[in-house]
Structures are given as structure tokens and as C-alpha cells.
Protein backbone atom coordinates (compact mmCIF):
# COMPACT_ATOMS: atom_id res chain seq x y z
CA MET A 1 135.95 64.50 79.76
CA LYS A 2 135.04 62.09 82.53
CA LYS A 3 131.44 62.38 83.69
CA ASP A 4 132.42 61.91 87.30
CA SER A 5 135.03 64.69 87.23
CA MET A 6 134.51 67.98 89.05
CA LEU A 7 134.93 69.98 85.83
CA TYR A 8 132.16 68.01 84.11
CA VAL A 9 129.78 68.53 87.04
CA VAL A 10 130.49 72.26 87.07
CA LEU A 11 130.04 72.65 83.31
CA PHE A 12 126.91 70.52 83.22
CA THR A 13 125.35 72.53 86.09
CA PHE A 14 126.28 75.80 84.37
CA VAL A 15 124.72 74.73 81.06
CA VAL A 16 121.49 73.50 82.69
CA CYS A 17 121.14 76.72 84.70
CA ALA A 18 121.83 78.84 81.61
CA VAL A 19 119.19 76.97 79.58
CA PHE A 20 116.53 77.33 82.26
CA THR A 21 117.40 81.02 82.77
CA LEU A 22 117.06 81.62 79.03
CA VAL A 23 113.69 79.82 78.92
CA LEU A 24 112.36 81.83 81.87
CA ALA A 25 113.62 85.09 80.33
CA ILE A 26 111.88 84.31 77.04
CA ALA A 27 108.67 83.35 78.86
CA ASN A 28 108.77 86.55 80.91
CA GLU A 29 109.37 88.71 77.85
CA GLY A 30 106.60 86.97 75.93
CA THR A 31 103.96 87.33 78.65
CA LYS A 32 104.78 90.70 80.22
CA ASP A 33 102.20 92.55 78.11
CA LEU A 34 99.51 90.03 79.09
CA VAL A 35 100.48 90.25 82.75
CA ALA A 36 100.34 94.05 82.61
CA ALA A 37 96.93 93.94 80.91
CA ASN A 38 95.56 91.55 83.52
CA ALA A 39 96.89 93.73 86.35
CA GLU A 40 95.28 96.79 84.76
CA PHE A 41 91.96 94.97 84.44
CA ALA A 42 92.16 93.85 88.08
CA THR A 43 92.62 97.46 89.18
CA GLN A 44 89.89 98.79 86.91
CA SER A 45 87.40 96.13 87.98
CA ALA A 46 88.10 96.77 91.68
CA VAL A 47 87.70 100.54 91.31
CA LEU A 48 84.52 100.19 89.26
CA GLY A 49 83.19 97.64 91.75
CA ALA A 50 83.83 99.96 94.69
CA LEU A 51 82.10 102.77 92.78
CA GLY A 52 79.13 100.55 91.99
CA VAL A 53 79.63 100.81 88.22
CA PRO A 54 78.60 97.59 86.44
CA PHE A 55 80.62 96.29 83.49
CA ASP A 56 80.70 93.29 81.19
CA GLY A 57 84.20 92.05 80.44
CA LYS A 58 87.58 93.70 79.94
CA ALA A 59 86.66 95.93 77.02
CA ASP A 60 83.55 97.29 78.75
CA ALA A 61 85.48 97.81 81.99
CA ALA A 62 88.17 99.77 80.15
CA ALA A 63 85.58 101.93 78.39
CA ARG A 64 83.60 102.67 81.56
CA PHE A 65 86.77 103.32 83.53
CA ALA A 66 88.03 105.78 80.91
CA GLY A 67 84.66 107.51 80.78
CA ALA A 68 83.95 107.88 84.50
CA VAL A 69 87.22 107.71 86.41
CA SER A 70 90.11 110.15 86.63
CA PRO A 71 93.47 109.33 88.26
CA GLY A 72 94.46 111.08 91.46
CA PRO A 73 97.95 112.25 92.47
CA ASP A 74 100.78 110.01 91.33
CA GLY A 75 102.49 107.90 93.98
CA PRO A 76 102.65 104.44 95.49
CA ARG A 77 99.27 104.92 97.18
CA ARG A 78 96.90 105.24 94.26
CA SER A 79 93.67 107.23 94.18
CA TRP A 80 90.96 108.14 91.70
CA SER A 81 88.02 110.51 91.41
CA ALA A 82 84.76 109.78 89.66
CA ARG A 83 81.28 111.09 89.05
CA VAL A 84 78.65 108.36 89.24
CA ASP A 85 74.88 108.86 89.04
CA GLY A 86 75.34 112.61 89.37
CA ALA A 87 77.45 112.43 92.55
CA ASP A 88 81.18 112.86 93.11
CA TYR A 89 83.29 110.14 94.75
CA VAL A 90 86.91 109.55 95.65
CA ALA A 91 88.41 106.05 95.52
CA VAL A 92 91.67 105.05 97.16
CA GLU A 93 93.84 101.97 97.39
CA GLN A 94 94.70 101.19 101.01
CA ALA A 95 96.76 98.40 102.58
CA GLY A 96 97.30 97.32 106.15
CA PRO A 97 98.27 94.31 108.24
CA GLY A 98 95.80 91.48 108.72
CA LEU A 99 96.36 88.46 110.95
CA TRP A 100 98.61 86.58 108.51
CA GLY A 101 99.64 89.17 105.95
CA THR A 102 98.78 92.39 104.19
CA ILE A 103 95.18 93.16 103.24
CA THR A 104 94.78 95.56 100.31
CA VAL A 105 91.44 97.14 99.45
CA ILE A 106 90.00 99.79 97.19
CA LEU A 107 87.41 101.96 98.89
CA ALA A 108 85.17 104.61 97.35
CA ALA A 109 83.33 107.24 99.35
CA THR A 110 81.92 110.73 99.16
CA PRO A 111 84.69 113.37 99.15
CA ASP A 112 83.92 114.30 102.78
CA GLY A 113 84.37 110.68 103.84
CA GLU A 114 80.92 110.61 105.44
CA ARG A 115 79.33 107.94 103.25
CA VAL A 116 80.98 104.81 101.86
CA ARG A 117 80.11 103.98 98.27
CA GLY A 118 81.70 100.53 98.30
CA VAL A 119 84.77 98.40 99.06
CA ARG A 120 86.59 95.72 97.09
CA VAL A 121 89.37 93.46 98.39
CA VAL A 122 92.35 93.43 96.03
CA SER A 123 94.45 90.92 97.96
CA GLN A 124 94.52 89.14 101.31
CA ASN A 125 96.20 86.13 102.93
CA GLU A 126 93.80 85.40 105.76
CA THR A 127 92.66 81.92 106.80
CA PRO A 128 90.20 80.44 104.25
CA GLY A 129 86.76 80.02 105.77
CA LEU A 130 87.59 82.39 108.63
CA GLY A 131 89.42 85.68 108.13
CA GLY A 132 89.42 85.12 104.38
CA ARG A 133 85.67 85.72 104.44
CA VAL A 134 86.30 89.49 104.53
CA ALA A 135 86.45 89.24 100.72
CA GLU A 136 82.99 87.63 100.47
CA PRO A 137 80.09 89.71 99.07
CA TRP A 138 78.02 89.53 102.28
CA PHE A 139 80.85 91.10 104.29
CA ILE A 140 82.02 93.86 101.98
CA GLY A 141 78.38 94.50 101.05
CA GLN A 142 77.83 95.83 104.57
CA TYR A 143 79.95 98.84 103.66
CA GLU A 144 77.99 99.78 100.54
CA GLY A 145 76.06 102.95 101.34
CA GLU A 146 77.13 102.85 105.00
CA ARG A 147 77.21 106.16 106.83
CA SER A 148 80.71 106.87 108.14
CA PRO A 149 80.41 109.73 110.66
CA GLY A 150 83.74 111.44 111.17
CA GLY A 151 85.24 109.20 108.51
CA ARG A 152 84.92 106.02 110.55
CA VAL A 153 82.93 102.76 110.36
CA GLY A 154 83.11 100.73 113.55
CA MET A 155 82.37 97.12 114.40
CA ARG A 156 79.13 96.44 116.26
CA ALA A 157 80.04 95.47 119.81
CA GLY A 158 79.87 91.69 120.19
CA ALA A 159 78.28 91.27 116.75
CA GLU A 160 79.91 88.59 114.62
CA SER A 161 78.29 86.83 111.70
CA SER A 162 78.96 83.87 109.46
CA GLY A 163 76.98 85.05 106.46
CA SER A 164 74.40 87.65 107.42
CA ALA A 165 75.22 91.29 108.04
CA ASP A 166 74.15 94.45 109.80
CA PRO A 167 71.34 95.85 107.60
CA ASP A 168 71.32 99.35 109.15
CA LYS A 169 73.12 101.76 106.79
CA GLU A 170 72.86 104.71 109.16
CA ASN A 171 74.49 103.41 112.34
CA GLY A 172 78.09 103.56 111.11
CA ARG A 173 78.61 99.96 112.21
CA VAL A 174 79.20 96.58 110.55
CA ASP A 175 79.35 93.01 111.84
CA GLY A 176 82.63 91.15 112.10
CA VAL A 177 83.31 87.67 110.76
CA SER A 178 82.50 84.94 113.25
CA GLY A 179 85.69 83.35 114.54
CA ALA A 180 87.91 86.03 112.95
CA THR A 181 87.75 88.95 115.37
CA ARG A 182 91.36 90.02 114.77
CA THR A 183 90.98 90.07 110.99
CA SER A 184 87.66 91.93 111.26
CA GLN A 185 89.26 94.58 113.46
CA SER A 186 92.20 94.89 111.09
CA PHE A 187 89.84 95.29 108.14
CA ALA A 188 87.94 98.03 109.99
CA ALA A 189 91.22 99.86 110.67
CA ILE A 190 92.15 99.68 106.98
CA VAL A 191 88.73 101.07 106.02
CA ASP A 192 89.12 103.95 108.47
CA ALA A 193 92.60 104.73 107.11
CA ALA A 194 91.15 104.73 103.59
CA LEU A 195 88.36 107.09 104.65
CA ALA A 196 90.93 109.44 106.17
CA ARG A 197 92.74 109.55 102.81
CA VAL A 198 89.45 110.16 101.01
CA LYS A 199 88.77 113.17 103.26
CA GLU A 200 92.28 114.48 102.69
CA ILE A 201 91.99 114.15 98.91
CA GLY A 202 88.40 115.40 98.85
CA GLY A 203 89.34 118.49 100.84
CA GLU A 204 91.95 119.42 98.23
CA ARG A 205 89.47 119.38 95.35
């Protein structure tokens, strides 16, 4: 068969594509258990982090998660309930639009939605060094223990920070990220939506 013939080109392309498809299929099959385990650990660590439960590695996270956390209703929007330090909490996964893409968080709060336990960012696509700073400890740390009257935590008017935060846990307010007003407002809306779900779930208990 001539190498410059159409039939040769078609057959060669078909064989190359088939080989690469086979390799990718084998790689996918061989790593799917590891991928699933890593995804499970990511979820467990985010839920435990939002609940303020410390852990040391995957095995410890799995043990603490199994001992303290119970799954909520099945569905695409996941939720959990937990008892930590003698108090009951509800944790939910909540997603919403940021400036450049979807921001997904896990938030834990008292069942009435009136006090945030903690927040962890699961995924975000905001600008590094600007909106992406919503995932930094100083920013999400503002929400830990924050009073959320009526199931809401607002942004302090005109208050934007590049590394410090609002220290008052009773005013129901947090500082935005300097230079990322839109992302900060989007994050606040996601938190409020999560608190509304917490109240809904907590009221059914």
C-alpha cells in the first residue's frame, strides 16, 4: 500500500486513534478507584473543616467523618448533620456564580441558621490574587462563629481588605476582598443561600 494514498492515511489515522483510545480507557479504568477516593477525601475534609473538626490525614478524616457526620437527604445538593462539642450543626454544599465561573462551598451552621460554624471553598475560578482570595484562610475565617441574624451575613459597607478581616463576630458582617467587590458580593450571596438551606433542613429535624 502506498504511504501517500488516501486509504493508507485513513487506516493509519484509525489505528493511531484506536491505540490512544485504548490507552486512555485502560488508564481511566486503572485510576478510577483512586480518583473516587480522592474525591471522597476532598468532600470529607471540607465538611470537617467547616465543622471545625481537626483531622490528621485521610484515615483520620474518614474515621472522624464516620463518627460525627450523618448524610442528609439524597440529591444533587448534598447536606450533612453533625454533633460537635455537644452542639448540633447542619452542613450543606452550595454553588453559585462568581465573576468568572462557579464558586462551590461547604457551609456549616446551627440548625436555625443563626450562627455560622465555618465555611470551606470546594472550587472556584476567580482571578488569582484578587477574587481567588475568597479561598484564603483570612477571608473564610471571618465566617467562623459569625452571627447570621435571619440567616444572612452581609458585607460591611465600604469595607474591603487585603489580608485582615472584620473581628466582630456579632455584627453579622464581613469584609470583602480589596479589588474584588463583585466576587465578594457573589460569595456573600452563596453563603446566604447556604444558610437558607440550613434553616430549611434544620426545621425538618
